[in-house]
C-alpha atoms as a PDB file:
ATOM      1  CA  MET A   1     -15.000 -64.179   6.360  1.00  0.00           C
ATOM      2  CA  SER A   2     -13.585 -61.247   4.388  1.00  0.00           C
ATOM      3  CA  ALA A   3     -10.473 -59.210   5.123  1.00  0.00           C
ATOM      4  CA  PHE A   4      -8.460 -56.439   3.549  1.00  0.00           C
ATOM      5  CA  THR A   5      -5.525 -57.405   1.433  1.00  0.00           C
ATOM      6  CA  LEU A   6      -2.126 -55.875   1.997  1.00  0.00           C
ATOM      7  CA  LEU A   7      -2.477 -53.931  -1.264  1.00  0.00           C
ATOM      8  CA  GLU A   8      -5.801 -52.378  -0.163  1.00  0.00           C
ATOM      9  CA  ALA A   9      -4.318 -51.368   3.188  1.00  0.00           C
ATOM     10  CA  LEU A  10      -1.286 -49.755   1.472  1.00  0.00           C
ATOM     11  CA  ILE A  11      -3.573 -47.813  -0.904  1.00  0.00           C
ATOM     12  CA  VAL A  12      -5.599 -46.469   2.042  1.00  0.00           C
ATOM     13  CA  VAL A  13      -2.417 -45.433   3.896  1.00  0.00           C
ATOM     14  CA  ALA A  14      -1.088 -43.703   0.749  1.00  0.00           C
ATOM     15  CA  ILE A  15      -4.344 -41.788   0.229  1.00  0.00           C
ATOM     16  CA  LEU A  16      -4.409 -40.692   3.886  1.00  0.00           C
ATOM     17  CA  SER A  17      -0.784 -39.573   3.652  1.00  0.00           C
ATOM     18  CA  VAL A  18      -1.485 -37.413   0.590  1.00  0.00           C
ATOM     19  CA  LEU A  19      -4.528 -35.857   2.279  1.00  0.00           C
ATOM     20  CA  ALA A  20      -2.561 -35.149   5.465  1.00  0.00           C
ATOM     21  CA  PHE A  21       0.278 -33.532   3.522  1.00  0.00           C
ATOM     22  CA  ALA A  22      -2.135 -31.312   1.560  1.00  0.00           C
ATOM     23  CA  GLY A  23      -4.026 -30.411   4.731  1.00  0.00           C
ATOM     24  CA  PHE A  24      -0.821 -29.426   6.526  1.00  0.00           C
ATOM     25  CA  GLY A  25       0.149 -27.068   3.693  1.00  0.00           C
ATOM     26  CA  LEU A  26      -3.259 -25.408   3.722  1.00  0.00           C
ATOM     27  CA  TYR A  27      -3.153 -25.080   7.510  1.00  0.00           C
ATOM     28  CA  ARG A  28       0.332 -23.552   7.416  1.00  0.00           C
ATOM     29  CA  ASN A  29      -0.726 -20.963   4.820  1.00  0.00           C
ATOM     30  CA  PHE A  30      -3.806 -20.138   6.909  1.00  0.00           C
ATOM     31  CA  VAL A  31      -1.689 -19.590  10.019  1.00  0.00           C
ATOM     32  CA  LYS A  32       0.787 -17.317   8.173  1.00  0.00           C
ATOM     33  CA  SER A  33      -2.062 -15.288   6.666  1.00  0.00           C
ATOM     34  CA  SER A  34      -3.694 -14.966  10.092  1.00  0.00           C
ATOM     35  CA  GLU A  35      -0.422 -13.761  11.632  1.00  0.00           C
ATOM     36  CA  LEU A  36      -0.088 -11.066   8.957  1.00  0.00           C
ATOM     37  CA  ASP A  37      -3.715 -10.005   9.513  1.00  0.00           C
ATOM     38  CA  LEU A  38      -3.088  -9.757  13.256  1.00  0.00           C
ATOM     39  CA  LEU A  39       0.082  -7.697  12.745  1.00  0.00           C
ATOM     40  CA  THR A  40      -1.808  -5.312  10.438  1.00  0.00           C
ATOM     41  CA  LYS A  41      -4.571  -4.908  13.019  1.00  0.00           C
ATOM     42  CA  GLU A  42      -1.991  -4.208  15.738  1.00  0.00           C
ATOM     43  CA  ILE A  43      -0.419  -1.444  13.628  1.00  0.00           C
ATOM     44  CA  ILE A  44      -3.858   0.055  12.893  1.00  0.00           C
ATOM     45  CA  PHE A  45      -4.657  -0.048  16.620  1.00  0.00           C
ATOM     46  CA  GLY A  46      -1.352   1.720  17.340  1.00  0.00           C
ATOM     47  CA  LEU A  47      -2.115   4.412  14.764  1.00  0.00           C
ATOM     48  CA  LYS A  48      -5.538   4.995  16.275  1.00  0.00           C
ATOM     49  CA  ASN A  49      -4.036   5.072  19.756  1.00  0.00           C
ATOM     50  CA  VAL A  50      -1.530   7.828  18.929  1.00  0.00           C
ATOM     51  CA  GLN A  51      -4.218   9.699  16.993  1.00  0.00           C
ATOM     52  CA  VAL A  52      -6.399   9.737  20.104  1.00  0.00           C
ATOM     53  CA  LYS A  53      -3.447  10.988  22.164  1.00  0.00           C
ATOM     54  CA  ALA A  54      -2.891  13.804  19.676  1.00  0.00           C
ATOM     55  CA  MET A  55      -6.587  14.719  19.629  1.00  0.00           C
ATOM     56  CA  ALA A  56      -6.694  14.742  23.422  1.00  0.00           C
ATOM     57  CA  GLY A  57      -3.671  17.021  23.492  1.00  0.00           C
ATOM     58  CA  ASP A  58      -1.765  14.519  25.648  1.00  0.00           C
ATOM     59  CA  LYS A  59       1.259  16.370  27.099  1.00  0.00           C
ATOM     60  CA  GLY A  60       0.416  19.283  24.781  1.00  0.00           C
ATOM     61  CA  LEU A  61       2.306  17.564  21.928  1.00  0.00           C
ATOM     62  CA  LYS A  62       1.769  16.028  18.499  1.00  0.00           C
ATOM     63  CA  TRP A  63       1.838  12.218  18.433  1.00  0.00           C
ATOM     64  CA  GLY A  64       2.882   9.836  15.703  1.00  0.00           C
ATOM     65  CA  ILE A  65       4.396   6.571  14.571  1.00  0.00           C
ATOM     66  CA  HIS A  66       7.749   6.295  12.814  1.00  0.00           C
ATOM     67  CA  PHE A  67       8.183   3.221  10.584  1.00  0.00           C
ATOM     68  CA  VAL A  68      11.690   1.946   9.811  1.00  0.00           C
ATOM     69  CA  ASN A  69      12.455  -0.515   7.027  1.00  0.00           C
ATOM     70  CA  ASP A  70      15.967  -1.924   7.544  1.00  0.00           C
ATOM     71  CA  SER A  71      17.575  -5.154   8.714  1.00  0.00           C
ATOM     72  CA  SER A  72      15.281  -5.186  11.780  1.00  0.00           C
ATOM     73  CA  ASP A  73      11.967  -3.674  10.694  1.00  0.00           C
ATOM     74  CA  TYR A  74      10.243  -1.812  13.516  1.00  0.00           C
ATOM     75  CA  TYR A  75       7.935   1.067  14.340  1.00  0.00           C
ATOM     76  CA  GLU A  76       7.920   3.442  17.277  1.00  0.00           C
ATOM     77  CA  PHE A  77       5.331   5.626  18.984  1.00  0.00           C
ATOM     78  CA  PHE A  78       6.565   9.124  19.723  1.00  0.00           C
ATOM     79  CA  SER A  79       5.491  12.570  20.896  1.00  0.00           C
ATOM     80  CA  THR A  80       6.986  15.822  19.675  1.00  0.00           C
ATOM     81  CA  PRO A  81       6.358  19.555  19.672  1.00  0.00           C
ATOM     82  CA  ALA A  82       7.250  19.870  15.953  1.00  0.00           C
ATOM     83  CA  ASP A  83       8.264  16.766  13.982  1.00  0.00           C
ATOM     84  CA  TYR A  84      10.118  13.446  14.352  1.00  0.00           C
ATOM     85  CA  SER A  85      13.549  15.022  13.807  1.00  0.00           C
ATOM     86  CA  SER A  86      13.027  17.531  16.635  1.00  0.00           C
ATOM     87  CA  ALA A  87      15.516  17.360  19.509  1.00  0.00           C
ATOM     88  CA  SER A  88      12.531  17.299  21.881  1.00  0.00           C
ATOM     89  CA  THR A  89      11.020  14.130  20.364  1.00  0.00           C
ATOM     90  CA  THR A  90      10.305  11.439  22.952  1.00  0.00           C
ATOM     91  CA  ILE A  91      10.058   7.776  21.912  1.00  0.00           C
ATOM     92  CA  ASP A  92       7.210   6.167  23.844  1.00  0.00           C
ATOM     93  CA  ASN A  93       7.369   2.530  22.609  1.00  0.00           C
ATOM     94  CA  VAL A  94       9.276   0.508  20.009  1.00  0.00           C
ATOM     95  CA  PHE A  95       7.780  -2.571  18.341  1.00  0.00           C
ATOM     96  CA  TYR A  96       9.733  -4.990  16.128  1.00  0.00           C
ATOM     97  CA  LEU A  97       7.933  -6.942  13.430  1.00  0.00           C
ATOM     98  CA  PRO A  98       7.587 -10.591  14.430  1.00  0.00           C
ATOM     99  CA  GLY A  99       8.997 -13.570  12.594  1.00  0.00           C
ATOM    100  CA  ALA A 100       9.657 -13.147   8.922  1.00  0.00           C
ATOM    101  CA  ALA A 101       7.252 -10.210   8.392  1.00  0.00           C
ATOM    102  CA  TYR A 102       8.804  -7.104   6.882  1.00  0.00           C
ATOM    103  CA  PHE A 103       7.886  -3.675   5.510  1.00  0.00           C
ATOM    104  CA  THR A 104       7.729  -3.322   1.734  1.00  0.00           C
ATOM    105  CA  ASN A 105       6.526   0.267   2.048  1.00  0.00           C
ATOM    106  CA  PRO A 106       8.119   2.537   3.212  1.00  0.00           C
ATOM    107  CA  THR A 107      11.332   1.673   1.413  1.00  0.00           C
ATOM    108  CA  THR A 108      13.490   3.214   4.165  1.00  0.00           C
ATOM    109  CA  SER A 109      11.422   5.090   6.745  1.00  0.00           C
ATOM    110  CA  SER A 110       8.173   6.986   7.046  1.00  0.00           C
ATOM    111  CA  THR A 111       6.441   9.015   9.722  1.00  0.00           C
ATOM    112  CA  VAL A 112       2.744   9.482  10.413  1.00  0.00           C
ATOM    113  CA  LEU A 113       2.384  12.580  12.587  1.00  0.00           C
ATOM    114  CA  PHE A 114      -1.049  13.503  13.919  1.00  0.00           C
ATOM    115  CA  ASN A 115      -1.808  17.154  14.608  1.00  0.00           C
ATOM    116  CA  LYS A 116      -3.006  18.199  18.040  1.00  0.00           C
ATOM    117  CA  ILE A 117      -6.764  18.442  18.581  1.00  0.00           C
ATOM    118  CA  ARG A 118      -7.759  17.689  14.941  1.00  0.00           C
ATOM    119  CA  GLY A 119      -6.017  14.302  14.577  1.00  0.00           C
ATOM    120  CA  THR A 120      -5.197  15.027  10.934  1.00  0.00           C
ATOM    121  CA  ILE A 121      -1.977  14.423   8.988  1.00  0.00           C
ATOM    122  CA  ALA A 122      -0.237  16.364   6.196  1.00  0.00           C
ATOM    123  CA  ALA A 123      -0.632  13.833   3.347  1.00  0.00           C
ATOM    124  CA  THR A 124      -1.946  10.347   2.656  1.00  0.00           C
ATOM    125  CA  THR A 125       0.495   7.760   3.965  1.00  0.00           C
ATOM    126  CA  THR A 126       0.568   4.027   3.239  1.00  0.00           C
ATOM    127  CA  VAL A 127       2.433   1.278   5.017  1.00  0.00           C
ATOM    128  CA  SER A 128       2.705  -2.227   3.551  1.00  0.00           C
ATOM    129  CA  VAL A 129       3.642  -5.311   5.531  1.00  0.00           C
ATOM    130  CA  SER A 130       4.620  -8.526   3.742  1.00  0.00           C
ATOM    131  CA  SER A 131       5.320 -12.147   4.489  1.00  0.00           C
ATOM    132  CA  PRO A 132       7.930 -14.336   2.755  1.00  0.00           C
ATOM    133  CA  ASP A 133       5.065 -16.104   0.932  1.00  0.00           C
ATOM    134  CA  GLY A 134       4.255 -12.887  -0.912  1.00  0.00           C
ATOM    135  CA  ASP A 135       1.160 -11.893   1.075  1.00  0.00           C
ATOM    136  CA  ILE A 136       0.948  -8.105   1.394  1.00  0.00           C
ATOM    137  CA  LYS A 137      -1.315  -6.070   3.679  1.00  0.00           C
ATOM    138  CA  THR A 138      -1.522  -2.309   3.192  1.00  0.00           C
ATOM    139  CA  ILE A 139      -2.566   0.276   5.775  1.00  0.00           C
ATOM    140  CA  THR A 140      -3.628   3.736   4.624  1.00  0.00           C
ATOM    141  CA  VAL A 141      -3.924   6.928   6.663  1.00  0.00           C
ATOM    142  CA  THR A 142      -5.719   9.819   4.922  1.00  0.00           C
ATOM    143  CA  PRO A 143      -5.139  13.538   5.565  1.00  0.00           C
ATOM    144  CA  ILE A 144      -8.439  13.829   7.439  1.00  0.00           C
ATOM    145  CA  GLY A 145      -7.321  11.068   9.798  1.00  0.00           C
ATOM    146  CA  ASN A 146      -9.120   8.005   8.448  1.00  0.00           C
ATOM    147  CA  ILE A 147      -7.152   4.816   9.086  1.00  0.00           C
ATOM    148  CA  TYR A 148      -7.861   1.614   7.184  1.00  0.00           C
END
């Protein structure tokens, strides 16, 4: 009859503990990276949504997204006859970044404004979203309206 000694059992428990600890760290990093990917895809979807509204001439206005980088990072969908600072600008929706995600670009605020019918913008615009772990995802909108 053979059995495990106490020392062998303790070694197995120690090895399993180390593997579990390492696995938890990898899983946590995977979840944080996935959350940042999802947030980036949501912002891209929002950009495409307002671009479609502008191209369709919804309400006869230009449509855009205004990004704000401050103590509570957020972005808002809006419609306007001229630009974001116009008195006639209407905010359609406001979305706050979840958890610890934050904008690294723009440094203060930035606006992507799509022209009616064409769906183009004035100049290339980039928006970067970061996590506390240092992961950064960048979204680019080109003057001809490509979003990636």
